[in-house]
Structure formats: C-alpha cells, structure tokens
Amino acid sequence: MQNYFCHSTAIAEQGAEIGKDTKIWHFSHIMKGAEIGERCILGQNVFVADGVKIGNGVKIQNNVSVYSGVEC
C-alpha cells in the first residue's frame, strides 16, 4: 500500500524508496534508487536522480533538480 501522495502528473519510478506522508507534486520525476524520507514535500517539476538520499521533513522547492551523490 502506498503511504505517500504522488500527483497524477508526477512519476515515481518503481524502485524509489519514498517515506510515509511525503508529497510529490505536479510533473516531478523520482528515479529508481532514490531514497526520500518521511514527511517531505517535493514541489512542481522536481527531479530526483538515482542514488540521492533525502532525509525526513525536507522541502524541495519548485523546479529544482537533485543529482546523484547528493545527501540532504
């Protein structure tokens, strides 16, 4: 069961780990292998690459790209 919100225009690839109560908004793309914590907010048009690790409670503003190797 999916315990996070992913807008219908967003893509969260199979193999991405997304924490409870996280919200992924319009036109965002989360690659397989990305790890996103609980209670995060990813704004419109956010890109998260494979290998990115985002902790709990992080907000990523609209139009931001986060590339491989980044830990936040």
Protein backbone atom coordinates (compact mmCIF):
# COMPACT_ATOMS: atom_id res chain seq x y z
CA MET A 1 0.00 0.00 0.00
CA GLN A 2 1.29 3.45 -0.96
CA ASN A 3 1.59 5.66 2.14
CA TYR A 4 2.64 8.86 0.35
CA PHE A 5 0.96 11.23 -2.13
CA CYS A 6 2.12 11.37 -5.75
CA HIS A 7 0.22 13.75 -8.07
CA SER A 8 -1.21 12.08 -11.19
CA THR A 9 1.22 14.01 -13.45
CA ALA A 10 4.30 13.03 -11.40
CA ILE A 11 6.42 9.91 -11.92
CA ALA A 12 7.85 7.91 -9.04
CA GLU A 13 9.70 5.01 -10.64
CA GLN A 14 9.42 1.52 -9.23
CA GLY A 15 12.47 1.01 -7.00
CA ALA A 16 12.42 4.50 -5.48
CA GLU A 17 12.02 4.47 -1.69
CA ILE A 18 9.55 7.12 -0.56
CA GLY A 19 8.66 7.66 3.09
CA LYS A 20 5.30 7.96 4.80
CA ASP A 21 3.33 11.20 4.39
CA THR A 22 5.65 12.58 1.68
CA LYS A 23 4.00 14.68 -1.04
CA ILE A 24 5.23 14.73 -4.64
CA TRP A 25 3.64 17.45 -6.75
CA HIS A 26 2.92 18.16 -10.44
CA PHE A 27 5.32 16.98 -13.17
CA SER A 28 8.02 15.78 -10.76
CA HIS A 29 10.17 12.73 -11.55
CA ILE A 30 11.75 10.46 -8.94
CA MET A 31 14.20 7.93 -10.38
CA LYS A 32 14.55 4.32 -9.19
CA GLY A 33 17.21 4.07 -6.49
CA ALA A 34 16.36 7.45 -4.93
CA GLU A 35 15.62 7.47 -1.19
CA ILE A 36 13.22 10.08 0.17
CA GLY A 37 12.35 10.25 3.86
CA GLU A 38 9.06 10.77 5.67
CA ARG A 39 7.00 13.99 5.64
CA CYS A 40 8.90 15.53 2.71
CA ILE A 41 7.41 17.94 0.18
CA LEU A 42 8.67 17.95 -3.39
CA GLY A 43 7.25 20.89 -5.34
CA GLN A 44 6.32 21.09 -9.01
CA ASN A 45 8.76 19.90 -11.67
CA VAL A 46 11.33 18.48 -9.20
CA PHE A 47 13.79 15.88 -10.49
CA VAL A 48 15.49 13.45 -8.09
CA ALA A 49 18.18 11.19 -9.59
CA ASP A 50 19.17 7.63 -8.76
CA GLY A 51 21.41 7.48 -5.67
CA VAL A 52 20.06 10.64 -4.00
CA LYS A 53 19.27 10.39 -0.27
CA ILE A 54 16.85 12.88 1.24
CA GLY A 55 16.15 12.79 4.98
CA ASN A 56 12.90 13.33 6.87
CA GLY A 57 10.99 16.61 6.77
CA VAL A 58 12.85 18.09 3.78
CA LYS A 59 11.13 20.54 1.42
CA ILE A 60 12.42 20.89 -2.14
CA GLN A 61 11.06 23.96 -3.93
CA ASN A 62 9.61 24.01 -7.48
CA ASN A 63 11.89 23.40 -10.49
CA VAL A 64 14.85 22.00 -8.51
CA SER A 65 16.96 19.10 -9.78
CA VAL A 66 18.85 16.93 -7.28
CA TYR A 67 21.56 14.82 -8.91
CA SER A 68 23.29 11.54 -7.98
CA GLY A 69 25.54 11.65 -4.93
CA VAL A 70 23.59 14.33 -3.07
CA GLU A 71 22.56 13.64 0.54
CA CYS A 72 20.27 16.13 2.20
